[in-house]
């Protein structure tokens, strides 16, 4: 059985840090899931405004 790589859909993209497929932040080419984004956001330079 030949498994082809996904070209579109949710399974075609994964978090570059942990490999998760859910809740990706793709803006600015980050490709991080939301959990990894929250951990790395201050180091990257994102600030939380109230």
PDB file of N, CA and C in Angstrom:
ATOM      1  N   UNK A   1       0.840  -1.178   0.000  1.00  0.00           N
ATOM      2  CA  UNK A   1       0.000   0.000   0.000  1.00  0.00           C
ATOM      3  C   UNK A   1       0.887   1.244   0.000  1.00  0.00           C
ATOM      4  N   UNK A   2       0.634   2.135  -0.924  1.00  0.00           N
ATOM      5  CA  UNK A   2       1.404   3.365  -1.043  1.00  0.00           C
ATOM      6  C   UNK A   2       0.637   4.489  -0.352  1.00  0.00           C
ATOM      7  N   UNK A   3       1.301   5.183   0.553  1.00  0.00           N
ATOM      8  CA  UNK A   3       0.688   6.299   1.265  1.00  0.00           C
ATOM      9  C   UNK A   3       1.223   7.588   0.665  1.00  0.00           C
ATOM     10  N   UNK A   4       0.326   8.374   0.080  1.00  0.00           N
ATOM     11  CA  UNK A   4       0.717   9.633  -0.535  1.00  0.00           C
ATOM     12  C   UNK A   4       0.640  10.758   0.488  1.00  0.00           C
ATOM     13  N   UNK A   5       1.514  11.747   0.392  1.00  0.00           N
ATOM     14  CA  UNK A   5       1.441  12.882   1.317  1.00  0.00           C
ATOM     15  C   UNK A   5       0.189  13.712   1.049  1.00  0.00           C
ATOM     16  N   UNK A   6      -0.365  14.286   2.093  1.00  0.00           N
ATOM     17  CA  UNK A   6      -1.565  15.111   1.964  1.00  0.00           C
ATOM     18  C   UNK A   6      -1.212  16.422   1.273  1.00  0.00           C
ATOM     19  N   UNK A   7      -2.054  16.840   0.324  1.00  0.00           N
ATOM     20  CA  UNK A   7      -1.813  18.081  -0.400  1.00  0.00           C
ATOM     21  C   UNK A   7      -2.695  19.214   0.100  1.00  0.00           C
ATOM     22  N   UNK A   8      -3.831  18.867   0.704  1.00  0.00           N
ATOM     23  CA  UNK A   8      -4.753  19.885   1.193  1.00  0.00           C
ATOM     24  C   UNK A   8      -5.511  19.328   2.391  1.00  0.00           C
ATOM     25  N   UNK A   9      -6.134  20.223   3.134  1.00  0.00           N
ATOM     26  CA  UNK A   9      -6.894  19.814   4.312  1.00  0.00           C
ATOM     27  C   UNK A   9      -6.089  19.952   5.589  1.00  0.00           C
ATOM     28  N   UNK A  10      -6.714  19.551   6.671  1.00  0.00           N
ATOM     29  CA  UNK A  10      -6.126  19.723   8.000  1.00  0.00           C
ATOM     30  C   UNK A  10      -4.857  18.898   8.185  1.00  0.00           C
ATOM     31  N   UNK A  11      -4.832  17.707   7.614  1.00  0.00           N
ATOM     32  CA  UNK A  11      -3.691  16.807   7.812  1.00  0.00           C
ATOM     33  C   UNK A  11      -2.476  17.196   6.979  1.00  0.00           C
ATOM     34  N   UNK A  12      -2.622  18.178   6.093  1.00  0.00           N
ATOM     35  CA  UNK A  12      -1.487  18.568   5.256  1.00  0.00           C
ATOM     36  C   UNK A  12      -0.522  19.499   5.990  1.00  0.00           C
ATOM     37  N   UNK A  13      -0.967  20.063   7.113  1.00  0.00           N
ATOM     38  CA  UNK A  13      -0.127  21.000   7.869  1.00  0.00           C
ATOM     39  C   UNK A  13      -0.004  20.517   9.307  1.00  0.00           C
ATOM     40  N   UNK A  14       1.173  20.713   9.885  1.00  0.00           N
ATOM     41  CA  UNK A  14       1.351  20.351  11.286  1.00  0.00           C
ATOM     42  C   UNK A  14       2.241  21.371  11.970  1.00  0.00           C
ATOM     43  N   UNK A  15       2.189  21.372  13.269  1.00  0.00           N
ATOM     44  CA  UNK A  15       2.991  22.284  14.077  1.00  0.00           C
ATOM     45  C   UNK A  15       4.469  21.971  13.860  1.00  0.00           C
ATOM     46  N   UNK A  16       5.253  23.005  13.630  1.00  0.00           N
ATOM     47  CA  UNK A  16       6.679  22.798  13.377  1.00  0.00           C
ATOM     48  C   UNK A  16       7.438  22.427  14.643  1.00  0.00           C
ATOM     49  N   UNK A  17       6.813  22.610  15.806  1.00  0.00           N
ATOM     50  CA  UNK A  17       7.483  22.316  17.074  1.00  0.00           C
ATOM     51  C   UNK A  17       7.103  20.949  17.640  1.00  0.00           C
ATOM     52  N   UNK A  18       5.786  20.657  17.698  1.00  0.00           N
ATOM     53  CA  UNK A  18       5.357  19.409  18.338  1.00  0.00           C
ATOM     54  C   UNK A  18       4.712  18.418  17.373  1.00  0.00           C
ATOM     55  N   UNK A  19       4.357  18.848  16.172  1.00  0.00           N
ATOM     56  CA  UNK A  19       3.787  17.943  15.184  1.00  0.00           C
ATOM     57  C   UNK A  19       2.285  17.770  15.261  1.00  0.00           C
ATOM     58  N   UNK A  20       1.604  18.566  16.081  1.00  0.00           N
ATOM     59  CA  UNK A  20       0.152  18.464  16.218  1.00  0.00           C
ATOM     60  C   UNK A  20      -0.530  19.058  14.986  1.00  0.00           C
ATOM     61  N   UNK A  21      -1.714  18.527  14.645  1.00  0.00           N
ATOM     62  CA  UNK A  21      -2.448  18.991  13.471  1.00  0.00           C
ATOM     63  C   UNK A  21      -3.580  19.948  13.829  1.00  0.00           C
ATOM     64  N   UNK A  22      -3.880  20.123  15.100  1.00  0.00           N
ATOM     65  CA  UNK A  22      -5.051  20.915  15.480  1.00  0.00           C
ATOM     66  C   UNK A  22      -4.668  22.319  15.931  1.00  0.00           C
ATOM     67  N   UNK A  23      -5.556  23.274  15.669  1.00  0.00           N
ATOM     68  CA  UNK A  23      -5.452  24.669  16.128  1.00  0.00           C
ATOM     69  C   UNK A  23      -4.141  25.320  15.723  1.00  0.00           C
ATOM     70  N   UNK A  24      -3.853  25.319  14.432  1.00  0.00           N
ATOM     71  CA  UNK A  24      -2.603  25.903  13.944  1.00  0.00           C
ATOM     72  C   UNK A  24      -2.704  27.412  13.808  1.00  0.00           C
ATOM     73  N   UNK A  25      -1.645  28.106  14.179  1.00  0.00           N
ATOM     74  CA  UNK A  25      -1.501  29.531  13.930  1.00  0.00           C
ATOM     75  C   UNK A  25      -0.609  29.644  12.700  1.00  0.00           C
ATOM     76  N   UNK A  26      -1.238  29.922  11.547  1.00  0.00           N
ATOM     77  CA  UNK A  26      -0.501  29.960  10.283  1.00  0.00           C
ATOM     78  C   UNK A  26      -0.105  31.374   9.887  1.00  0.00           C
ATOM     79  N   UNK A  27      -0.622  32.350  10.584  1.00  0.00           N
ATOM     80  CA  UNK A  27      -0.348  33.740  10.232  1.00  0.00           C
ATOM     81  C   UNK A  27       1.145  34.036  10.321  1.00  0.00           C
ATOM     82  N   UNK A  28       1.632  34.819   9.375  1.00  0.00           N
ATOM     83  CA  UNK A  28       3.047  35.198   9.265  1.00  0.00           C
ATOM     84  C   UNK A  28       3.953  33.989   9.050  1.00  0.00           C
ATOM     85  N   UNK A  29       3.392  32.859   8.634  1.00  0.00           N
ATOM     86  CA  UNK A  29       4.198  31.667   8.373  1.00  0.00           C
ATOM     87  C   UNK A  29       4.719  30.981   9.620  1.00  0.00           C
ATOM     88  N   UNK A  30       4.034  31.163  10.753  1.00  0.00           N
ATOM     89  CA  UNK A  30       4.513  30.583  12.013  1.00  0.00           C
ATOM     90  C   UNK A  30       4.376  29.071  12.042  1.00  0.00           C
ATOM     91  N   UNK A  31       3.232  28.539  11.619  1.00  0.00           N
ATOM     92  CA  UNK A  31       2.955  27.099  11.619  1.00  0.00           C
ATOM     93  C   UNK A  31       3.184  26.474  13.001  1.00  0.00           C
ATOM     94  N   UNK A  32       2.582  27.080  14.020  1.00  0.00           N
ATOM     95  CA  UNK A  32       2.647  26.572  15.391  1.00  0.00           C
ATOM     96  C   UNK A  32       1.234  26.300  15.880  1.00  0.00           C
ATOM     97  N   UNK A  33       1.058  25.255  16.690  1.00  0.00           N
ATOM     98  CA  UNK A  33      -0.245  25.046  17.314  1.00  0.00           C
ATOM     99  C   UNK A  33      -0.419  26.112  18.401  1.00  0.00           C
ATOM    100  N   UNK A  34      -1.639  26.273  18.870  1.00  0.00           N
ATOM    101  CA  UNK A  34      -1.898  27.376  19.804  1.00  0.00           C
ATOM    102  C   UNK A  34      -1.161  27.206  21.122  1.00  0.00           C
ATOM    103  N   UNK A  35      -0.954  25.965  21.562  1.00  0.00           N
ATOM    104  CA  UNK A  35      -0.240  25.739  22.815  1.00  0.00           C
ATOM    105  C   UNK A  35       1.229  26.158  22.678  1.00  0.00           C
ATOM    106  N   UNK A  36       1.865  25.755  21.590  1.00  0.00           N
ATOM    107  CA  UNK A  36       3.262  26.135  21.365  1.00  0.00           C
ATOM    108  C   UNK A  36       3.382  27.635  21.141  1.00  0.00           C
ATOM    109  N   UNK A  37       2.390  28.223  20.460  1.00  0.00           N
ATOM    110  CA  UNK A  37       2.423  29.660  20.229  1.00  0.00           C
ATOM    111  C   UNK A  37       2.378  30.424  21.544  1.00  0.00           C
ATOM    112  N   UNK A  38       1.542  29.981  22.473  1.00  0.00           N
ATOM    113  CA  UNK A  38       1.453  30.669  23.768  1.00  0.00           C
ATOM    114  C   UNK A  38       2.761  30.591  24.541  1.00  0.00           C
ATOM    115  N   UNK A  39       3.476  29.479  24.408  1.00  0.00           N
ATOM    116  CA  UNK A  39       4.754  29.333  25.104  1.00  0.00           C
ATOM    117  C   UNK A  39       5.844  30.194  24.465  1.00  0.00           C
ATOM    118  N   UNK A  40       5.829  30.305  23.143  1.00  0.00           N
ATOM    119  CA  UNK A  40       6.903  30.992  22.432  1.00  0.00           C
ATOM    120  C   UNK A  40       6.615  32.456  22.116  1.00  0.00           C
ATOM    121  N   UNK A  41       5.374  32.905  22.260  1.00  0.00           N
ATOM    122  CA  UNK A  41       4.982  34.250  21.849  1.00  0.00           C
ATOM    123  C   UNK A  41       5.850  35.360  22.451  1.00  0.00           C
ATOM    124  N   UNK A  42       6.132  35.360  23.749  1.00  0.00           N
ATOM    125  CA  UNK A  42       6.973  36.439  24.291  1.00  0.00           C
ATOM    126  C   UNK A  42       8.387  36.441  23.704  1.00  0.00           C
ATOM    127  N   UNK A  43       8.941  35.267  23.438  1.00  0.00           N
ATOM    128  CA  UNK A  43      10.287  35.192  22.866  1.00  0.00           C
ATOM    129  C   UNK A  43      10.311  35.692  21.428  1.00  0.00           C
ATOM    130  N   UNK A  44       9.222  35.436  20.694  1.00  0.00           N
ATOM    131  CA  UNK A  44       9.141  35.863  19.301  1.00  0.00           C
ATOM    132  C   UNK A  44       8.929  37.367  19.219  1.00  0.00           C
ATOM    133  N   UNK A  45       8.264  37.940  20.228  1.00  0.00           N
ATOM    134  CA  UNK A  45       8.041  39.379  20.236  1.00  0.00           C
ATOM    135  C   UNK A  45       6.580  39.785  20.245  1.00  0.00           C
ATOM    136  N   UNK A  46       5.674  38.843  20.430  1.00  0.00           N
ATOM    137  CA  UNK A  46       4.255  39.165  20.519  1.00  0.00           C
ATOM    138  C   UNK A  46       3.939  39.615  21.938  1.00  0.00           C
ATOM    139  N   UNK A  47       3.087  40.637  22.048  1.00  0.00           N
ATOM    140  CA  UNK A  47       2.680  41.145  23.352  1.00  0.00           C
ATOM    141  C   UNK A  47       1.174  41.042  23.477  1.00  0.00           C
ATOM    142  N   UNK A  48       0.695  40.761  24.670  1.00  0.00           N
ATOM    143  CA  UNK A  48      -0.732  40.648  24.925  1.00  0.00           C
ATOM    144  C   UNK A  48      -1.250  41.992  25.439  1.00  0.00           C
ATOM    145  N   UNK A  49      -2.224  42.543  24.718  1.00  0.00           N
ATOM    146  CA  UNK A  49      -2.833  43.805  25.117  1.00  0.00           C
ATOM    147  C   UNK A  49      -4.204  43.538  25.711  1.00  0.00           C
ATOM    148  N   UNK A  50      -4.575  44.306  26.729  1.00  0.00           N
ATOM    149  CA  UNK A  50      -5.888  44.136  27.362  1.00  0.00           C
ATOM    150  C   UNK A  50      -6.937  44.954  26.655  1.00  0.00           C
TER     151      UNK A  50
END
